[in-house]
Amino acid sequence: MRFTFRCLDPHADAPLLHSWVTQPYASFWGMLSSTVDGVVEEYSKIQASGHHHALLGLDGGVPAFLMEEYLPSASPLAAVYAAQPGDMGMHLLVAPPSGGPQPGYTTAVMDAVLDRLFNKPGVERVVVEPDARNTKIHALNERLGFQPAGVVDLPDKQALLSFCSHSDYLAARAALQQSADSSNPIHQGASL
């Protein structure tokens, strides 16, 4: 799978984002009752902040996920941990599947997001703070090398603070690839 990224346009992309963030599966995103105008307002603020940026991930040119990258030192995380130079925060929301679930798809999306972040100059560690109750994302984070650091209180939630160094990511990625290769020897080198 080959994903590309483009800058989110808060006005043009709001109807699409609204259709994602108001789905029950996106409850931890915190926008279930949002309006299209509310999405425009939220993402206009993010894009204008200078320290938080939203991108759409495209699969074959079709929007497939939303990612946000941000500086933890300029976020509510600054009150709960000592941000280090090289830290980059990340949020991820995968679009509802069209045509049913695809095994391994969300892992491939997360892999593409982490690969993009670690290829940015100066990024040494990715920081995430999903809701402490969001067990599905905790499992995905762990699968790709995140190490939990504990539950922290943020203004809008109790979050599981986790960190992923570049070396932890590469080790997790290699383990996933080895597992994929050994379980399906006919498709050596298949993507995650």
N, C-alpha and C. Protein backbone atom coordinates (compact mmCIF):
# COMPACT_ATOMS: atom_id res chain seq x y z
N MET A 1 0.84 -1.18 0.00
CA MET A 1 0.00 0.00 0.00
C MET A 1 0.88 1.24 0.00
N ARG A 2 0.53 2.16 -0.83
CA ARG A 2 1.30 3.40 -0.90
C ARG A 2 0.37 4.56 -0.55
N PHE A 3 0.72 5.27 0.52
CA PHE A 3 -0.08 6.40 0.94
C PHE A 3 0.65 7.69 0.63
N THR A 4 -0.12 8.72 0.33
CA THR A 4 0.43 10.06 0.17
C THR A 4 -0.29 10.98 1.15
N PHE A 5 0.25 12.16 1.33
CA PHE A 5 -0.29 13.11 2.29
C PHE A 5 -0.50 14.45 1.62
N ARG A 6 -1.53 15.15 2.05
CA ARG A 6 -1.72 16.53 1.61
C ARG A 6 -2.26 17.35 2.78
N CYS A 7 -1.96 18.64 2.73
CA CYS A 7 -2.40 19.55 3.77
C CYS A 7 -3.93 19.59 3.79
N LEU A 8 -4.49 19.55 4.97
CA LEU A 8 -5.94 19.61 5.13
C LEU A 8 -6.42 21.04 4.85
N ASP A 9 -7.48 21.16 4.07
CA ASP A 9 -8.14 22.45 3.84
C ASP A 9 -9.37 22.48 4.74
N PRO A 10 -9.36 23.29 5.81
CA PRO A 10 -10.46 23.26 6.78
C PRO A 10 -11.84 23.49 6.16
N HIS A 11 -11.92 24.32 5.14
CA HIS A 11 -13.23 24.61 4.53
C HIS A 11 -13.63 23.52 3.54
N ALA A 12 -12.76 23.21 2.60
CA ALA A 12 -13.10 22.24 1.55
C ALA A 12 -13.26 20.83 2.10
N ASP A 13 -12.46 20.48 3.12
CA ASP A 13 -12.47 19.10 3.64
C ASP A 13 -13.42 18.89 4.81
N ALA A 14 -14.04 19.97 5.30
CA ALA A 14 -14.90 19.85 6.48
C ALA A 14 -16.05 18.86 6.31
N PRO A 15 -16.79 18.87 5.18
CA PRO A 15 -17.88 17.89 5.06
C PRO A 15 -17.40 16.44 5.16
N LEU A 16 -16.27 16.14 4.52
CA LEU A 16 -15.71 14.79 4.60
C LEU A 16 -15.30 14.47 6.04
N LEU A 17 -14.55 15.36 6.68
CA LEU A 17 -14.13 15.13 8.06
C LEU A 17 -15.32 14.96 8.98
N HIS A 18 -16.33 15.79 8.77
CA HIS A 18 -17.54 15.71 9.60
C HIS A 18 -18.16 14.31 9.50
N SER A 19 -18.16 13.75 8.29
CA SER A 19 -18.74 12.41 8.10
C SER A 19 -17.92 11.33 8.82
N TRP A 20 -16.66 11.61 9.11
CA TRP A 20 -15.82 10.67 9.84
C TRP A 20 -15.95 10.86 11.35
N VAL A 21 -15.79 12.11 11.82
CA VAL A 21 -15.68 12.36 13.26
C VAL A 21 -16.99 12.21 14.01
N THR A 22 -18.11 12.13 13.28
CA THR A 22 -19.41 11.96 13.93
C THR A 22 -19.89 10.52 13.91
N GLN A 23 -19.05 9.60 13.47
CA GLN A 23 -19.37 8.16 13.48
C GLN A 23 -19.14 7.62 14.89
N PRO A 24 -19.95 6.67 15.33
CA PRO A 24 -19.76 6.11 16.68
C PRO A 24 -18.34 5.58 16.94
N TYR A 25 -17.70 4.99 15.93
CA TYR A 25 -16.36 4.44 16.16
C TYR A 25 -15.34 5.54 16.48
N ALA A 26 -15.67 6.80 16.14
CA ALA A 26 -14.75 7.92 16.36
C ALA A 26 -15.05 8.65 17.67
N SER A 27 -15.74 8.00 18.59
CA SER A 27 -16.16 8.68 19.82
C SER A 27 -14.98 9.28 20.58
N PHE A 28 -13.81 8.63 20.55
CA PHE A 28 -12.66 9.14 21.30
C PHE A 28 -12.05 10.38 20.64
N TRP A 29 -12.47 10.70 19.42
CA TRP A 29 -11.98 11.90 18.75
C TRP A 29 -12.60 13.15 19.39
N GLY A 30 -13.75 12.96 20.06
CA GLY A 30 -14.36 14.04 20.81
C GLY A 30 -15.20 15.01 20.00
N MET A 31 -15.64 14.61 18.81
CA MET A 31 -16.42 15.52 17.97
C MET A 31 -17.74 14.90 17.50
N LEU A 32 -18.26 13.91 18.24
CA LEU A 32 -19.48 13.21 17.81
C LEU A 32 -20.65 14.14 17.53
N SER A 33 -20.80 15.20 18.31
CA SER A 33 -21.95 16.09 18.14
C SER A 33 -21.58 17.35 17.36
N SER A 34 -20.43 17.35 16.75
CA SER A 34 -19.97 18.53 16.02
C SER A 34 -20.79 18.76 14.75
N THR A 35 -20.86 20.01 14.33
CA THR A 35 -21.47 20.38 13.05
C THR A 35 -20.36 20.56 12.02
N VAL A 36 -20.72 20.69 10.76
CA VAL A 36 -19.72 20.97 9.73
C VAL A 36 -19.01 22.29 10.06
N ASP A 37 -19.78 23.29 10.49
CA ASP A 37 -19.16 24.57 10.86
C ASP A 37 -18.20 24.41 12.04
N GLY A 38 -18.54 23.54 12.97
CA GLY A 38 -17.66 23.26 14.10
C GLY A 38 -16.35 22.64 13.65
N VAL A 39 -16.43 21.75 12.65
CA VAL A 39 -15.22 21.13 12.10
C VAL A 39 -14.37 22.20 11.41
N VAL A 40 -15.00 23.08 10.63
CA VAL A 40 -14.27 24.17 9.98
C VAL A 40 -13.55 25.02 11.03
N GLU A 41 -14.26 25.37 12.09
CA GLU A 41 -13.68 26.21 13.14
C GLU A 41 -12.50 25.53 13.82
N GLU A 42 -12.68 24.26 14.21
CA GLU A 42 -11.61 23.52 14.90
C GLU A 42 -10.36 23.40 14.02
N TYR A 43 -10.55 23.00 12.76
CA TYR A 43 -9.38 22.77 11.91
C TYR A 43 -8.79 24.06 11.37
N SER A 44 -9.55 25.11 11.32
CA SER A 44 -8.98 26.43 10.98
C SER A 44 -8.03 26.87 12.09
N LYS A 45 -8.44 26.65 13.35
CA LYS A 45 -7.57 26.99 14.49
C LYS A 45 -6.29 26.16 14.45
N ILE A 46 -6.44 24.87 14.20
CA ILE A 46 -5.27 23.98 14.16
C ILE A 46 -4.31 24.44 13.07
N GLN A 47 -4.83 24.69 11.86
CA GLN A 47 -3.95 25.03 10.74
C GLN A 47 -3.29 26.40 10.93
N ALA A 48 -3.91 27.28 11.71
CA ALA A 48 -3.36 28.62 11.92
C ALA A 48 -2.44 28.69 13.14
N SER A 49 -2.35 27.61 13.91
CA SER A 49 -1.66 27.66 15.21
C SER A 49 -0.15 27.86 15.10
N GLY A 50 0.46 27.34 14.06
CA GLY A 50 1.91 27.41 13.94
C GLY A 50 2.64 26.27 14.64
N HIS A 51 1.94 25.48 15.45
CA HIS A 51 2.59 24.36 16.15
C HIS A 51 1.78 23.07 16.06
N HIS A 52 0.67 23.10 15.34
CA HIS A 52 -0.23 21.95 15.20
C HIS A 52 -0.67 21.97 13.74
N HIS A 53 -0.63 20.83 13.08
CA HIS A 53 -0.91 20.79 11.65
C HIS A 53 -1.69 19.51 11.31
N ALA A 54 -2.70 19.63 10.47
CA ALA A 54 -3.51 18.47 10.07
C ALA A 54 -3.27 18.15 8.61
N LEU A 55 -3.20 16.86 8.33
CA LEU A 55 -2.99 16.35 6.97
C LEU A 55 -4.01 15.26 6.69
N LEU A 56 -4.40 15.18 5.42
CA LEU A 56 -5.20 14.04 4.98
C LEU A 56 -4.25 13.02 4.37
N GLY A 57 -4.43 11.76 4.73
CA GLY A 57 -3.70 10.68 4.11
C GLY A 57 -4.55 10.12 2.99
N LEU A 58 -3.93 9.93 1.84
CA LEU A 58 -4.64 9.46 0.66
C LEU A 58 -4.18 8.06 0.30
N ASP A 59 -5.12 7.24 -0.08
CA ASP A 59 -4.85 5.88 -0.56
C ASP A 59 -5.29 5.86 -2.01
N GLY A 60 -4.31 5.85 -2.91
CA GLY A 60 -4.65 5.91 -4.32
C GLY A 60 -5.37 7.21 -4.70
N GLY A 61 -5.03 8.29 -4.02
CA GLY A 61 -5.64 9.58 -4.28
C GLY A 61 -6.94 9.84 -3.54
N VAL A 62 -7.46 8.83 -2.83
CA VAL A 62 -8.73 8.95 -2.11
C VAL A 62 -8.45 9.18 -0.62
N PRO A 63 -9.06 10.20 0.01
CA PRO A 63 -8.84 10.41 1.44
C PRO A 63 -9.18 9.15 2.25
N ALA A 64 -8.21 8.72 3.07
CA ALA A 64 -8.38 7.48 3.83
C ALA A 64 -8.14 7.67 5.32
N PHE A 65 -7.47 8.74 5.72
CA PHE A 65 -7.23 8.98 7.14
C PHE A 65 -6.83 10.43 7.36
N LEU A 66 -6.98 10.83 8.61
CA LEU A 66 -6.59 12.15 9.07
C LEU A 66 -5.46 11.97 10.06
N MET A 67 -4.40 12.74 9.89
CA MET A 67 -3.33 12.73 10.89
C MET A 67 -3.06 14.17 11.30
N GLU A 68 -2.71 14.31 12.55
CA GLU A 68 -2.30 15.61 13.07
C GLU A 68 -0.92 15.43 13.67
N GLU A 69 -0.07 16.40 13.42
CA GLU A 69 1.24 16.44 14.06
C GLU A 69 1.31 17.75 14.83
N TYR A 70 1.93 17.70 16.01
CA TYR A 70 1.97 18.89 16.85
C TYR A 70 3.19 18.86 17.75
N LEU A 71 3.56 20.03 18.24
CA LEU A 71 4.66 20.13 19.19
C LEU A 71 4.12 19.95 20.60
N PRO A 72 4.50 18.88 21.28
CA PRO A 72 4.00 18.64 22.64
C PRO A 72 4.28 19.81 23.59
N SER A 73 5.39 20.49 23.38
CA SER A 73 5.75 21.60 24.27
C SER A 73 4.79 22.77 24.16
N ALA A 74 4.00 22.83 23.07
CA ALA A 74 3.01 23.90 22.87
C ALA A 74 1.58 23.39 23.06
N SER A 75 1.45 22.22 23.67
CA SER A 75 0.14 21.58 23.85
C SER A 75 -0.14 21.36 25.33
N PRO A 76 -1.33 20.88 25.68
CA PRO A 76 -1.61 20.56 27.08
C PRO A 76 -0.65 19.51 27.67
N LEU A 77 0.04 18.76 26.83
CA LEU A 77 1.01 17.78 27.33
C LEU A 77 2.15 18.45 28.09
N ALA A 78 2.43 19.70 27.78
CA ALA A 78 3.54 20.40 28.45
C ALA A 78 3.35 20.45 29.96
N ALA A 79 2.11 20.34 30.41
CA ALA A 79 1.84 20.38 31.86
C ALA A 79 2.02 19.03 32.54
N VAL A 80 2.16 17.95 31.75
CA VAL A 80 2.20 16.62 32.37
C VAL A 80 3.48 15.82 32.11
N TYR A 81 4.35 16.33 31.23
CA TYR A 81 5.64 15.65 31.04
C TYR A 81 6.64 16.67 30.50
N ALA A 82 7.91 16.39 30.69
CA ALA A 82 8.97 17.28 30.24
C ALA A 82 9.30 16.98 28.78
N ALA A 83 8.74 17.79 27.88
CA ALA A 83 8.99 17.60 26.45
C ALA A 83 10.47 17.75 26.17
N GLN A 84 10.96 16.92 25.25
CA GLN A 84 12.37 16.95 24.87
C GLN A 84 12.50 17.48 23.45
N PRO A 85 13.64 18.08 23.12
CA PRO A 85 13.86 18.45 21.73
C PRO A 85 13.75 17.19 20.87
N GLY A 86 13.11 17.27 19.75
CA GLY A 86 12.93 16.10 18.89
C GLY A 86 11.63 15.36 19.11
N ASP A 87 10.82 15.79 20.11
CA ASP A 87 9.51 15.18 20.33
C ASP A 87 8.50 15.74 19.33
N MET A 88 7.68 14.87 18.77
CA MET A 88 6.60 15.27 17.88
C MET A 88 5.35 14.52 18.31
N GLY A 89 4.27 15.25 18.56
CA GLY A 89 3.00 14.63 18.92
C GLY A 89 2.24 14.22 17.68
N MET A 90 1.36 13.24 17.82
CA MET A 90 0.61 12.73 16.68
C MET A 90 -0.77 12.27 17.11
N HIS A 91 -1.75 12.56 16.26
CA HIS A 91 -3.11 12.02 16.37
C HIS A 91 -3.44 11.34 15.05
N LEU A 92 -4.25 10.30 15.08
CA LEU A 92 -4.61 9.56 13.87
C LEU A 92 -6.07 9.12 13.93
N LEU A 93 -6.79 9.36 12.84
CA LEU A 93 -8.16 8.86 12.69
C LEU A 93 -8.28 8.26 11.29
N VAL A 94 -8.57 6.97 11.23
CA VAL A 94 -8.74 6.28 9.94
C VAL A 94 -10.21 6.39 9.54
N ALA A 95 -10.44 6.65 8.26
CA ALA A 95 -11.80 6.78 7.73
C ALA A 95 -12.55 5.47 7.90
N PRO A 96 -13.89 5.55 7.94
CA PRO A 96 -14.66 4.30 7.99
C PRO A 96 -14.36 3.47 6.74
N PRO A 97 -14.21 2.16 6.90
CA PRO A 97 -13.86 1.33 5.74
C PRO A 97 -14.99 1.28 4.72
N SER A 98 -14.60 1.44 3.46
CA SER A 98 -15.60 1.26 2.40
C SER A 98 -15.42 -0.16 1.89
N GLY A 99 -16.49 -0.90 1.85
CA GLY A 99 -16.40 -2.29 1.40
C GLY A 99 -15.98 -3.25 2.49
N GLY A 100 -16.10 -2.85 3.73
CA GLY A 100 -15.79 -3.76 4.83
C GLY A 100 -14.37 -3.65 5.33
N PRO A 101 -14.11 -4.22 6.51
CA PRO A 101 -12.77 -4.15 7.11
C PRO A 101 -11.72 -4.84 6.25
N GLN A 102 -10.51 -4.29 6.27
CA GLN A 102 -9.37 -4.87 5.55
C GLN A 102 -8.29 -5.20 6.58
N PRO A 103 -8.06 -6.47 6.86
CA PRO A 103 -7.05 -6.83 7.86
C PRO A 103 -5.70 -6.19 7.55
N GLY A 104 -5.11 -5.59 8.58
CA GLY A 104 -3.78 -4.99 8.43
C GLY A 104 -3.78 -3.56 7.91
N TYR A 105 -4.94 -3.05 7.52
CA TYR A 105 -4.98 -1.73 6.90
C TYR A 105 -4.58 -0.62 7.89
N THR A 106 -5.15 -0.64 9.08
CA THR A 106 -4.85 0.40 10.06
C THR A 106 -3.38 0.34 10.47
N THR A 107 -2.82 -0.85 10.57
CA THR A 107 -1.39 -0.99 10.86
C THR A 107 -0.57 -0.37 9.74
N ALA A 108 -0.96 -0.60 8.48
CA ALA A 108 -0.24 -0.02 7.34
C ALA A 108 -0.34 1.51 7.36
N VAL A 109 -1.52 2.03 7.74
CA VAL A 109 -1.69 3.49 7.84
C VAL A 109 -0.75 4.03 8.92
N MET A 110 -0.77 3.43 10.10
CA MET A 110 0.08 3.90 11.20
C MET A 110 1.55 3.82 10.80
N ASP A 111 1.94 2.77 10.11
CA ASP A 111 3.31 2.63 9.65
C ASP A 111 3.67 3.80 8.72
N ALA A 112 2.79 4.14 7.80
CA ALA A 112 3.06 5.25 6.88
C ALA A 112 3.17 6.58 7.62
N VAL A 113 2.32 6.77 8.63
CA VAL A 113 2.35 8.01 9.41
C VAL A 113 3.67 8.11 10.19
N LEU A 114 4.06 7.03 10.85
CA LEU A 114 5.30 7.05 11.62
C LEU A 114 6.52 7.22 10.71
N ASP A 115 6.50 6.55 9.56
CA ASP A 115 7.59 6.70 8.60
C ASP A 115 7.71 8.16 8.17
N ARG A 116 6.59 8.79 7.91
CA ARG A 116 6.59 10.21 7.51
C ARG A 116 7.15 11.07 8.64
N LEU A 117 6.69 10.85 9.86
CA LEU A 117 7.15 11.67 10.98
C LEU A 117 8.64 11.49 11.25
N PHE A 118 9.11 10.26 11.24
CA PHE A 118 10.52 10.02 11.53
C PHE A 118 11.44 10.47 10.40
N ASN A 119 10.88 10.74 9.24
CA ASN A 119 11.68 11.28 8.14
C ASN A 119 11.72 12.80 8.14
N LYS A 120 11.01 13.42 9.08
CA LYS A 120 11.08 14.88 9.23
C LYS A 120 12.37 15.22 9.97
N PRO A 121 13.09 16.23 9.51
CA PRO A 121 14.34 16.60 10.20
C PRO A 121 14.09 16.92 11.68
N GLY A 122 14.93 16.34 12.53
CA GLY A 122 14.88 16.64 13.96
C GLY A 122 13.93 15.79 14.78
N VAL A 123 13.06 15.00 14.16
CA VAL A 123 12.12 14.19 14.93
C VAL A 123 12.85 12.94 15.44
N GLU A 124 12.89 12.81 16.76
CA GLU A 124 13.56 11.66 17.37
C GLU A 124 12.60 10.74 18.12
N ARG A 125 11.44 11.31 18.49
CA ARG A 125 10.49 10.52 19.27
C ARG A 125 9.08 11.02 18.94
N VAL A 126 8.14 10.07 18.80
CA VAL A 126 6.74 10.42 18.57
C VAL A 126 5.99 10.18 19.87
N VAL A 127 5.14 11.13 20.21
CA VAL A 127 4.39 11.13 21.47
C VAL A 127 2.91 11.03 21.14
N VAL A 128 2.20 10.14 21.84
CA VAL A 128 0.74 10.03 21.67
C VAL A 128 0.09 10.06 23.04
N GLU A 129 -1.18 10.50 23.06
CA GLU A 129 -1.92 10.59 24.31
C GLU A 129 -3.39 10.24 24.07
N PRO A 130 -3.65 9.00 23.59
CA PRO A 130 -5.04 8.61 23.39
C PRO A 130 -5.78 8.43 24.71
N ASP A 131 -7.08 8.51 24.62
CA ASP A 131 -7.93 8.28 25.79
C ASP A 131 -7.52 6.95 26.44
N ALA A 132 -7.44 6.96 27.76
CA ALA A 132 -7.01 5.75 28.49
C ALA A 132 -7.93 4.57 28.25
N ARG A 133 -9.20 4.82 27.85
CA ARG A 133 -10.15 3.73 27.61
C ARG A 133 -10.09 3.18 26.19
N ASN A 134 -9.31 3.79 25.31
CA ASN A 134 -9.28 3.41 23.90
C ASN A 134 -8.31 2.25 23.67
N THR A 135 -8.73 1.06 24.07
CA THR A 135 -7.85 -0.10 24.04
C THR A 135 -7.42 -0.49 22.62
N LYS A 136 -8.25 -0.22 21.62
CA LYS A 136 -7.87 -0.57 20.25
C LYS A 136 -6.64 0.21 19.80
N ILE A 137 -6.62 1.51 20.08
CA ILE A 137 -5.46 2.31 19.65
C ILE A 137 -4.24 1.98 20.49
N HIS A 138 -4.43 1.62 21.76
CA HIS A 138 -3.28 1.22 22.58
C HIS A 138 -2.60 -0.01 21.97
N ALA A 139 -3.39 -0.97 21.52
CA ALA A 139 -2.83 -2.18 20.91
C ALA A 139 -2.08 -1.84 19.62
N LEU A 140 -2.67 -0.96 18.81
CA LEU A 140 -2.01 -0.56 17.56
C LEU A 140 -0.71 0.18 17.87
N ASN A 141 -0.74 1.09 18.82
CA ASN A 141 0.46 1.84 19.19
C ASN A 141 1.57 0.88 19.62
N GLU A 142 1.22 -0.07 20.48
CA GLU A 142 2.21 -1.03 20.97
C GLU A 142 2.79 -1.86 19.82
N ARG A 143 1.92 -2.25 18.90
CA ARG A 143 2.36 -3.06 17.76
C ARG A 143 3.44 -2.34 16.94
N LEU A 144 3.41 -1.00 16.94
CA LEU A 144 4.36 -0.23 16.15
C LEU A 144 5.46 0.42 16.98
N GLY A 145 5.64 -0.03 18.22
CA GLY A 145 6.81 0.35 18.99
C GLY A 145 6.60 1.35 20.10
N PHE A 146 5.38 1.81 20.34
CA PHE A 146 5.14 2.77 21.43
C PHE A 146 5.28 2.08 22.78
N GLN A 147 5.88 2.79 23.70
CA GLN A 147 6.06 2.32 25.08
C GLN A 147 5.18 3.17 25.99
N PRO A 148 4.21 2.56 26.69
CA PRO A 148 3.37 3.34 27.60
C PRO A 148 4.19 3.93 28.75
N ALA A 149 3.86 5.19 29.10
CA ALA A 149 4.55 5.86 30.19
C ALA A 149 3.62 6.13 31.36
N GLY A 150 2.34 5.81 31.21
CA GLY A 150 1.39 6.00 32.30
C GLY A 150 0.22 6.88 31.92
N VAL A 151 -0.80 6.84 32.76
CA VAL A 151 -2.01 7.62 32.54
C VAL A 151 -1.80 9.03 33.10
N VAL A 152 -2.18 10.03 32.30
CA VAL A 152 -2.05 11.43 32.71
C VAL A 152 -3.41 12.12 32.58
N ASP A 153 -3.60 13.16 33.37
CA ASP A 153 -4.83 13.95 33.30
C ASP A 153 -4.63 15.13 32.37
N LEU A 154 -5.43 15.18 31.29
CA LEU A 154 -5.42 16.30 30.36
C LEU A 154 -6.75 17.03 30.51
N PRO A 155 -6.87 18.25 29.99
CA PRO A 155 -8.10 19.01 30.17
C PRO A 155 -9.37 18.28 29.71
N ASP A 156 -9.25 17.46 28.66
CA ASP A 156 -10.45 16.82 28.09
C ASP A 156 -10.54 15.32 28.31
N LYS A 157 -9.54 14.71 29.00
CA LYS A 157 -9.57 13.25 29.15
C LYS A 157 -8.47 12.77 30.07
N GLN A 158 -8.60 11.52 30.48
CA GLN A 158 -7.47 10.79 31.07
C GLN A 158 -6.85 10.06 29.89
N ALA A 159 -5.54 10.24 29.72
CA ALA A 159 -4.87 9.74 28.53
C ALA A 159 -3.73 8.80 28.90
N LEU A 160 -3.46 7.84 28.03
CA LEU A 160 -2.30 6.98 28.18
C LEU A 160 -1.16 7.61 27.39
N LEU A 161 -0.25 8.24 28.08
CA LEU A 161 0.92 8.86 27.46
C LEU A 161 1.88 7.76 27.03
N SER A 162 2.28 7.79 25.76
CA SER A 162 3.19 6.77 25.23
C SER A 162 4.20 7.42 24.30
N PHE A 163 5.37 6.81 24.23
CA PHE A 163 6.46 7.33 23.42
C PHE A 163 6.98 6.25 22.48
N CYS A 164 7.44 6.68 21.32
CA CYS A 164 8.04 5.76 20.35
C CYS A 164 9.31 6.40 19.80
N SER A 165 10.45 5.81 20.10
CA SER A 165 11.71 6.28 19.52
C SER A 165 11.84 5.72 18.12
N HIS A 166 12.72 6.31 17.34
CA HIS A 166 12.93 5.81 15.98
C HIS A 166 13.39 4.35 16.01
N SER A 167 14.29 4.02 16.95
CA SER A 167 14.79 2.64 17.01
C SER A 167 13.68 1.66 17.43
N ASP A 168 12.80 2.07 18.35
CA ASP A 168 11.68 1.19 18.74
C ASP A 168 10.74 0.97 17.55
N TYR A 169 10.50 2.02 16.79
CA TYR A 169 9.65 1.91 15.59
C TYR A 169 10.27 0.95 14.58
N LEU A 170 11.55 1.12 14.30
CA LEU A 170 12.20 0.25 13.31
C LEU A 170 12.20 -1.20 13.76
N ALA A 171 12.41 -1.45 15.05
CA ALA A 171 12.39 -2.82 15.58
C ALA A 171 10.99 -3.42 15.46
N ALA A 172 9.97 -2.64 15.80
CA ALA A 172 8.59 -3.13 15.71
C ALA A 172 8.22 -3.39 14.25
N ARG A 173 8.64 -2.50 13.38
CA ARG A 173 8.34 -2.66 11.94
C ARG A 173 9.00 -3.94 11.40
N ALA A 174 10.25 -4.17 11.79
CA ALA A 174 10.95 -5.38 11.34
C ALA A 174 10.26 -6.63 11.87
N ALA A 175 9.81 -6.60 13.12
CA ALA A 175 9.10 -7.75 13.70
C ALA A 175 7.78 -8.00 12.97
N LEU A 176 7.07 -6.94 12.64
CA LEU A 176 5.81 -7.10 11.89
C LEU A 176 6.09 -7.70 10.51
N GLN A 177 7.13 -7.21 9.86
CA GLN A 177 7.48 -7.72 8.53
C GLN A 177 7.88 -9.19 8.60
N GLN A 178 8.66 -9.53 9.61
CA GLN A 178 9.09 -10.93 9.78
C GLN A 178 7.88 -11.81 10.04
N SER A 179 6.96 -11.35 10.86
CA SER A 179 5.75 -12.11 11.15
C SER A 179 4.91 -12.29 9.89
N ALA A 180 4.79 -11.23 9.09
CA ALA A 180 4.01 -11.31 7.85
C ALA A 180 4.67 -12.28 6.87
N ASP A 181 6.00 -12.21 6.78
CA ASP A 181 6.72 -13.10 5.86
C ASP A 181 6.62 -14.56 6.28
N SER A 182 6.73 -14.83 7.59
CA SER A 182 6.72 -16.21 8.05
C SER A 182 5.32 -16.82 7.98
N SER A 183 4.30 -15.98 8.12
CA SER A 183 2.94 -16.53 8.06
C SER A 183 2.45 -16.68 6.63
N ASN A 184 3.14 -16.07 5.68
CA ASN A 184 2.72 -16.16 4.29
C ASN A 184 3.97 -16.19 3.41
N PRO A 185 4.72 -17.32 3.42
CA PRO A 185 5.99 -17.38 2.71
C PRO A 185 5.87 -17.17 1.20
N ILE A 186 4.68 -17.37 0.64
CA ILE A 186 4.50 -17.16 -0.80
C ILE A 186 4.64 -15.69 -1.15
N HIS A 187 4.28 -14.82 -0.22
CA HIS A 187 4.31 -13.37 -0.48
C HIS A 187 5.46 -12.72 0.28
N GLN A 188 6.68 -13.22 0.14
CA GLN A 188 7.83 -12.63 0.79
C GLN A 188 7.90 -11.15 0.44
N GLY A 189 8.13 -10.32 1.44
CA GLY A 189 8.26 -8.90 1.21
C GLY A 189 6.94 -8.17 1.08
N ALA A 190 5.83 -8.81 1.42
CA ALA A 190 4.53 -8.14 1.36
C ALA A 190 4.52 -6.97 2.32
N SER A 191 3.70 -5.97 2.02
CA SER A 191 3.63 -4.81 2.90
C SER A 191 2.91 -5.16 4.17
N LEU A 192 3.13 -4.33 5.20
CA LEU A 192 2.55 -4.58 6.52
C LEU A 192 1.04 -4.58 6.49
